Amino acid sequence: MSDTIKVVNYTEEMVAAIVAEYEAEPTRETVDALASRFSKTSRSIIAKLSTLGIYQAPVRVAKTGKPVIKKEVLVAEITAVLGVELPSLVKANKQDLEALATFVTALKS
C-alpha cells in the first residue's frame, strides 16, 4: 500500500487573505498583487476565486466605452417588439442592427 501525500496549493491562511483582499477591492490589480505576493500566476488566483464562487469577471466594453452587446441580443429585442421570428437577421452587421433596434424600440414607445 502506498502512502500518498496531498500537496496543498493554497493554505487556509492564503485563501483567507486572498478572499479578504479581493472582496475589499475586486479588481484585476488586486488579483495581480495577490499573485505577486503569493508567487502564483494571476490565472491561478482567478481560478481559486472562481472555485470559491467569488471571482467577478470584468465587464467588457467596446472601443467606444459602451458595454458589449451581442448581435443575438439586438435581434431578440427587435423580434420581441415586432412579434415575428427573423433568424437570419443576426447575419446583418452590428451597426445596422443597433439602428434598427433603436428605431423599433422608439416605435414601441
N, C-alpha and C. Protein backbone atom coordinates (compact mmCIF):
# COMPACT_ATOMS: atom_id res chain seq x y z
N MET A 1 0.85 -1.17 0.00
CA MET A 1 0.00 0.00 0.00
C MET A 1 0.90 1.24 0.00
N SER A 2 0.61 2.16 -0.89
CA SER A 2 1.45 3.35 -0.97
C SER A 2 0.83 4.50 -0.19
N ASP A 3 1.68 5.23 0.45
CA ASP A 3 1.22 6.41 1.18
C ASP A 3 1.33 7.61 0.25
N THR A 4 0.20 8.26 0.02
CA THR A 4 0.21 9.45 -0.82
C THR A 4 -0.03 10.67 0.04
N ILE A 5 0.71 11.67 -0.28
CA ILE A 5 0.61 12.93 0.46
C ILE A 5 -0.06 13.93 -0.46
N LYS A 6 -1.12 14.53 0.04
CA LYS A 6 -1.82 15.53 -0.74
C LYS A 6 -1.06 16.85 -0.65
N VAL A 7 -0.70 17.38 -1.81
CA VAL A 7 0.02 18.64 -1.86
C VAL A 7 -1.02 19.76 -1.88
N VAL A 8 -0.89 20.66 -0.95
CA VAL A 8 -1.82 21.78 -0.85
C VAL A 8 -1.24 22.97 -1.60
N ASN A 9 -1.98 23.41 -2.59
CA ASN A 9 -1.53 24.54 -3.40
C ASN A 9 -1.75 25.86 -2.67
N TYR A 10 -2.84 25.94 -1.91
CA TYR A 10 -3.17 27.13 -1.14
C TYR A 10 -3.47 26.72 0.30
N THR A 11 -2.81 27.35 1.25
CA THR A 11 -3.10 27.08 2.65
C THR A 11 -4.37 27.82 3.04
N GLU A 12 -4.93 27.46 4.17
CA GLU A 12 -6.13 28.14 4.64
C GLU A 12 -5.87 29.63 4.88
N GLU A 13 -4.68 29.94 5.36
CA GLU A 13 -4.33 31.33 5.61
C GLU A 13 -4.24 32.12 4.29
N MET A 14 -3.66 31.47 3.27
CA MET A 14 -3.56 32.12 1.96
C MET A 14 -4.95 32.38 1.39
N VAL A 15 -5.82 31.39 1.48
CA VAL A 15 -7.17 31.52 0.96
C VAL A 15 -7.91 32.64 1.69
N ALA A 16 -7.78 32.69 3.01
CA ALA A 16 -8.44 33.74 3.79
C ALA A 16 -7.94 35.12 3.38
N ALA A 17 -6.64 35.26 3.18
CA ALA A 17 -6.08 36.55 2.78
C ALA A 17 -6.53 36.93 1.37
N ILE A 18 -6.52 35.97 0.46
CA ILE A 18 -6.93 36.23 -0.91
C ILE A 18 -8.39 36.66 -0.96
N VAL A 19 -9.25 35.95 -0.25
CA VAL A 19 -10.67 36.27 -0.23
C VAL A 19 -10.90 37.65 0.37
N ALA A 20 -10.28 37.92 1.50
CA ALA A 20 -10.47 39.21 2.18
C ALA A 20 -10.04 40.37 1.29
N GLU A 21 -8.86 40.26 0.69
CA GLU A 21 -8.36 41.35 -0.13
C GLU A 21 -9.17 41.53 -1.41
N TYR A 22 -9.56 40.41 -2.02
CA TYR A 22 -10.32 40.52 -3.26
C TYR A 22 -11.72 41.06 -3.01
N GLU A 23 -12.35 40.63 -1.92
CA GLU A 23 -13.69 41.15 -1.62
C GLU A 23 -13.65 42.63 -1.27
N ALA A 24 -12.55 43.08 -0.68
CA ALA A 24 -12.41 44.51 -0.37
C ALA A 24 -12.27 45.34 -1.63
N GLU A 25 -11.55 44.80 -2.62
CA GLU A 25 -11.35 45.51 -3.89
C GLU A 25 -11.26 44.51 -5.04
N PRO A 26 -12.42 44.16 -5.64
CA PRO A 26 -12.45 43.14 -6.69
C PRO A 26 -12.00 43.67 -8.06
N THR A 27 -10.70 43.89 -8.22
CA THR A 27 -10.17 44.40 -9.49
C THR A 27 -9.04 43.49 -9.98
N ARG A 28 -8.68 43.67 -11.22
CA ARG A 28 -7.57 42.91 -11.79
C ARG A 28 -6.26 43.27 -11.10
N GLU A 29 -6.13 44.53 -10.69
CA GLU A 29 -4.92 44.95 -9.99
C GLU A 29 -4.75 44.18 -8.68
N THR A 30 -5.86 43.95 -7.99
CA THR A 30 -5.81 43.17 -6.75
C THR A 30 -5.36 41.75 -7.04
N VAL A 31 -5.90 41.16 -8.10
CA VAL A 31 -5.51 39.80 -8.49
C VAL A 31 -4.01 39.75 -8.79
N ASP A 32 -3.53 40.72 -9.55
CA ASP A 32 -2.10 40.75 -9.89
C ASP A 32 -1.23 40.92 -8.65
N ALA A 33 -1.67 41.77 -7.73
CA ALA A 33 -0.90 41.97 -6.49
C ALA A 33 -0.88 40.70 -5.64
N LEU A 34 -2.00 40.01 -5.57
CA LEU A 34 -2.07 38.75 -4.82
C LEU A 34 -1.18 37.69 -5.46
N ALA A 35 -1.18 37.64 -6.78
CA ALA A 35 -0.34 36.67 -7.49
C ALA A 35 1.13 36.92 -7.19
N SER A 36 1.52 38.16 -7.20
CA SER A 36 2.90 38.51 -6.91
C SER A 36 3.25 38.17 -5.45
N ARG A 37 2.35 38.52 -4.56
CA ARG A 37 2.59 38.30 -3.12
C ARG A 37 2.73 36.82 -2.77
N PHE A 38 1.92 35.96 -3.41
CA PHE A 38 1.92 34.54 -3.07
C PHE A 38 2.70 33.68 -4.08
N SER A 39 3.42 34.31 -4.98
CA SER A 39 4.22 33.61 -6.00
C SER A 39 3.38 32.63 -6.81
N LYS A 40 2.24 33.12 -7.25
CA LYS A 40 1.32 32.36 -8.10
C LYS A 40 1.09 33.17 -9.37
N THR A 41 0.48 32.53 -10.35
CA THR A 41 0.10 33.29 -11.54
C THR A 41 -1.24 33.95 -11.29
N SER A 42 -1.50 35.00 -12.04
CA SER A 42 -2.80 35.67 -11.92
C SER A 42 -3.93 34.71 -12.25
N ARG A 43 -3.68 33.88 -13.25
CA ARG A 43 -4.69 32.89 -13.66
C ARG A 43 -4.99 31.91 -12.52
N SER A 44 -3.98 31.55 -11.75
CA SER A 44 -4.17 30.65 -10.62
C SER A 44 -5.04 31.31 -9.54
N ILE A 45 -4.79 32.57 -9.28
CA ILE A 45 -5.59 33.31 -8.29
C ILE A 45 -7.03 33.41 -8.77
N ILE A 46 -7.22 33.73 -10.04
CA ILE A 46 -8.57 33.83 -10.61
C ILE A 46 -9.28 32.48 -10.52
N ALA A 47 -8.56 31.40 -10.82
CA ALA A 47 -9.15 30.06 -10.74
C ALA A 47 -9.58 29.74 -9.32
N LYS A 48 -8.76 30.10 -8.35
CA LYS A 48 -9.10 29.85 -6.95
C LYS A 48 -10.33 30.66 -6.55
N LEU A 49 -10.36 31.92 -6.92
CA LEU A 49 -11.52 32.76 -6.61
C LEU A 49 -12.78 32.25 -7.30
N SER A 50 -12.62 31.74 -8.51
CA SER A 50 -13.76 31.19 -9.25
C SER A 50 -14.28 29.93 -8.57
N THR A 51 -13.36 29.08 -8.14
CA THR A 51 -13.74 27.86 -7.44
C THR A 51 -14.52 28.18 -6.17
N LEU A 52 -14.14 29.26 -5.51
CA LEU A 52 -14.81 29.68 -4.29
C LEU A 52 -16.11 30.44 -4.58
N GLY A 53 -16.36 30.73 -5.85
CA GLY A 53 -17.57 31.45 -6.24
C GLY A 53 -17.52 32.93 -5.95
N ILE A 54 -16.32 33.48 -5.89
CA ILE A 54 -16.14 34.88 -5.51
C ILE A 54 -15.74 35.76 -6.69
N TYR A 55 -15.05 35.19 -7.68
CA TYR A 55 -14.49 36.00 -8.76
C TYR A 55 -15.58 36.68 -9.57
N GLN A 56 -15.37 37.95 -9.88
CA GLN A 56 -16.27 38.74 -10.70
C GLN A 56 -15.54 39.12 -11.98
N ALA A 57 -15.96 38.56 -13.09
CA ALA A 57 -15.33 38.88 -14.36
C ALA A 57 -15.57 40.35 -14.69
N PRO A 58 -14.57 41.04 -15.21
CA PRO A 58 -14.76 42.45 -15.54
C PRO A 58 -15.77 42.61 -16.68
N VAL A 59 -16.51 43.70 -16.65
CA VAL A 59 -17.48 43.99 -17.69
C VAL A 59 -16.73 44.38 -18.95
N ARG A 60 -17.05 43.70 -20.04
CA ARG A 60 -16.38 44.02 -21.30
C ARG A 60 -16.98 45.28 -21.88
N VAL A 61 -16.11 46.11 -22.44
CA VAL A 61 -16.57 47.34 -23.10
C VAL A 61 -15.96 47.43 -24.49
N ALA A 62 -16.71 48.08 -25.37
CA ALA A 62 -16.23 48.29 -26.73
C ALA A 62 -15.23 49.44 -26.74
N LYS A 63 -14.66 49.71 -27.88
CA LYS A 63 -13.69 50.80 -28.01
C LYS A 63 -14.31 52.15 -27.65
N THR A 64 -15.62 52.24 -27.84
CA THR A 64 -16.32 53.49 -27.54
C THR A 64 -16.57 53.66 -26.05
N GLY A 65 -16.35 52.60 -25.28
CA GLY A 65 -16.59 52.66 -23.84
C GLY A 65 -17.94 52.12 -23.43
N LYS A 66 -18.78 51.80 -24.41
CA LYS A 66 -20.10 51.24 -24.13
C LYS A 66 -19.97 49.75 -23.86
N PRO A 67 -20.90 49.19 -23.08
CA PRO A 67 -20.86 47.74 -22.84
C PRO A 67 -21.03 46.97 -24.15
N VAL A 68 -20.41 45.82 -24.24
CA VAL A 68 -20.51 44.98 -25.43
C VAL A 68 -21.89 44.32 -25.44
N ILE A 69 -22.61 44.48 -26.54
CA ILE A 69 -23.92 43.85 -26.71
C ILE A 69 -23.81 42.93 -27.92
N LYS A 70 -24.14 41.67 -27.72
CA LYS A 70 -24.06 40.71 -28.82
C LYS A 70 -25.18 40.94 -29.81
N LYS A 71 -24.91 40.58 -31.06
CA LYS A 71 -25.90 40.75 -32.11
C LYS A 71 -27.17 39.95 -31.81
N GLU A 72 -27.00 38.79 -31.18
CA GLU A 72 -28.16 37.96 -30.84
C GLU A 72 -29.12 38.69 -29.90
N VAL A 73 -28.57 39.49 -29.00
CA VAL A 73 -29.39 40.26 -28.06
C VAL A 73 -30.17 41.33 -28.81
N LEU A 74 -29.51 42.01 -29.73
CA LEU A 74 -30.19 43.03 -30.54
C LEU A 74 -31.31 42.41 -31.36
N VAL A 75 -31.06 41.25 -31.97
CA VAL A 75 -32.08 40.57 -32.76
C VAL A 75 -33.25 40.16 -31.87
N ALA A 76 -32.94 39.68 -30.65
CA ALA A 76 -34.01 39.29 -29.72
C ALA A 76 -34.88 40.49 -29.36
N GLU A 77 -34.28 41.65 -29.15
CA GLU A 77 -35.05 42.87 -28.85
C GLU A 77 -35.96 43.22 -30.03
N ILE A 78 -35.41 43.17 -31.22
CA ILE A 78 -36.17 43.53 -32.42
C ILE A 78 -37.33 42.57 -32.62
N THR A 79 -37.07 41.28 -32.53
CA THR A 79 -38.12 40.29 -32.76
C THR A 79 -39.18 40.33 -31.66
N ALA A 80 -38.79 40.69 -30.45
CA ALA A 80 -39.76 40.80 -29.36
C ALA A 80 -40.74 41.94 -29.63
N VAL A 81 -40.23 43.06 -30.12
CA VAL A 81 -41.08 44.21 -30.40
C VAL A 81 -41.98 43.93 -31.61
N LEU A 82 -41.40 43.32 -32.65
CA LEU A 82 -42.17 43.08 -33.87
C LEU A 82 -43.09 41.87 -33.75
N GLY A 83 -42.75 40.95 -32.85
CA GLY A 83 -43.58 39.75 -32.68
C GLY A 83 -43.45 38.76 -33.81
N VAL A 84 -42.31 38.77 -34.45
CA VAL A 84 -42.07 37.85 -35.57
C VAL A 84 -40.65 37.32 -35.47
N GLU A 85 -40.45 36.05 -35.84
CA GLU A 85 -39.12 35.46 -35.81
C GLU A 85 -38.36 35.80 -37.08
N LEU A 86 -37.14 36.29 -36.91
CA LEU A 86 -36.28 36.65 -38.03
C LEU A 86 -34.89 36.07 -37.80
N PRO A 87 -34.73 34.75 -37.91
CA PRO A 87 -33.46 34.11 -37.54
C PRO A 87 -32.26 34.55 -38.38
N SER A 88 -32.48 34.93 -39.63
CA SER A 88 -31.34 35.33 -40.47
C SER A 88 -30.93 36.77 -40.22
N LEU A 89 -31.70 37.50 -39.43
CA LEU A 89 -31.37 38.90 -39.15
C LEU A 89 -30.03 39.03 -38.42
N VAL A 90 -29.63 37.99 -37.70
CA VAL A 90 -28.38 38.02 -36.96
C VAL A 90 -27.17 38.14 -37.90
N LYS A 91 -27.38 37.88 -39.18
CA LYS A 91 -26.29 37.98 -40.14
C LYS A 91 -26.04 39.42 -40.60
N ALA A 92 -26.94 40.32 -40.25
CA ALA A 92 -26.76 41.74 -40.59
C ALA A 92 -25.60 42.29 -39.77
N ASN A 93 -25.02 43.41 -40.23
CA ASN A 93 -23.90 43.97 -39.46
C ASN A 93 -24.44 44.64 -38.20
N LYS A 94 -23.58 44.78 -37.23
CA LYS A 94 -23.99 45.25 -35.91
C LYS A 94 -24.52 46.67 -35.93
N GLN A 95 -23.92 47.56 -36.72
CA GLN A 95 -24.37 48.94 -36.77
C GLN A 95 -25.81 49.02 -37.28
N ASP A 96 -26.13 48.22 -38.30
CA ASP A 96 -27.50 48.20 -38.83
C ASP A 96 -28.47 47.65 -37.79
N LEU A 97 -28.05 46.62 -37.07
CA LEU A 97 -28.92 46.06 -36.04
C LEU A 97 -29.16 47.04 -34.91
N GLU A 98 -28.12 47.78 -34.52
CA GLU A 98 -28.28 48.79 -33.47
C GLU A 98 -29.25 49.88 -33.92
N ALA A 99 -29.12 50.32 -35.16
CA ALA A 99 -30.01 51.35 -35.69
C ALA A 99 -31.45 50.84 -35.76
N LEU A 100 -31.62 49.62 -36.22
CA LEU A 100 -32.95 49.02 -36.32
C LEU A 100 -33.57 48.83 -34.93
N ALA A 101 -32.78 48.37 -33.97
CA ALA A 101 -33.28 48.18 -32.61
C ALA A 101 -33.71 49.50 -32.01
N THR A 102 -32.95 50.55 -32.23
CA THR A 102 -33.31 51.88 -31.72
C THR A 102 -34.60 52.36 -32.35
N PHE A 103 -34.73 52.18 -33.66
CA PHE A 103 -35.92 52.61 -34.38
C PHE A 103 -37.15 51.83 -33.92
N VAL A 104 -37.04 50.52 -33.82
CA VAL A 104 -38.17 49.68 -33.45
C VAL A 104 -38.58 49.95 -32.00
N THR A 105 -37.61 50.16 -31.13
CA THR A 105 -37.91 50.46 -29.73
C THR A 105 -38.61 51.81 -29.62
N ALA A 106 -38.21 52.78 -30.44
CA ALA A 106 -38.86 54.09 -30.44
C ALA A 106 -40.31 53.98 -30.93
N LEU A 107 -40.55 53.11 -31.90
CA LEU A 107 -41.90 52.90 -32.40
C LEU A 107 -42.82 52.33 -31.32
N LYS A 108 -42.23 51.46 -30.51
CA LYS A 108 -42.98 50.79 -29.44
C LYS A 108 -43.43 51.80 -28.38
N SER A 109 -42.65 52.83 -28.17
CA SER A 109 -42.94 53.81 -27.10
C SER A 109 -44.07 54.69 -27.39
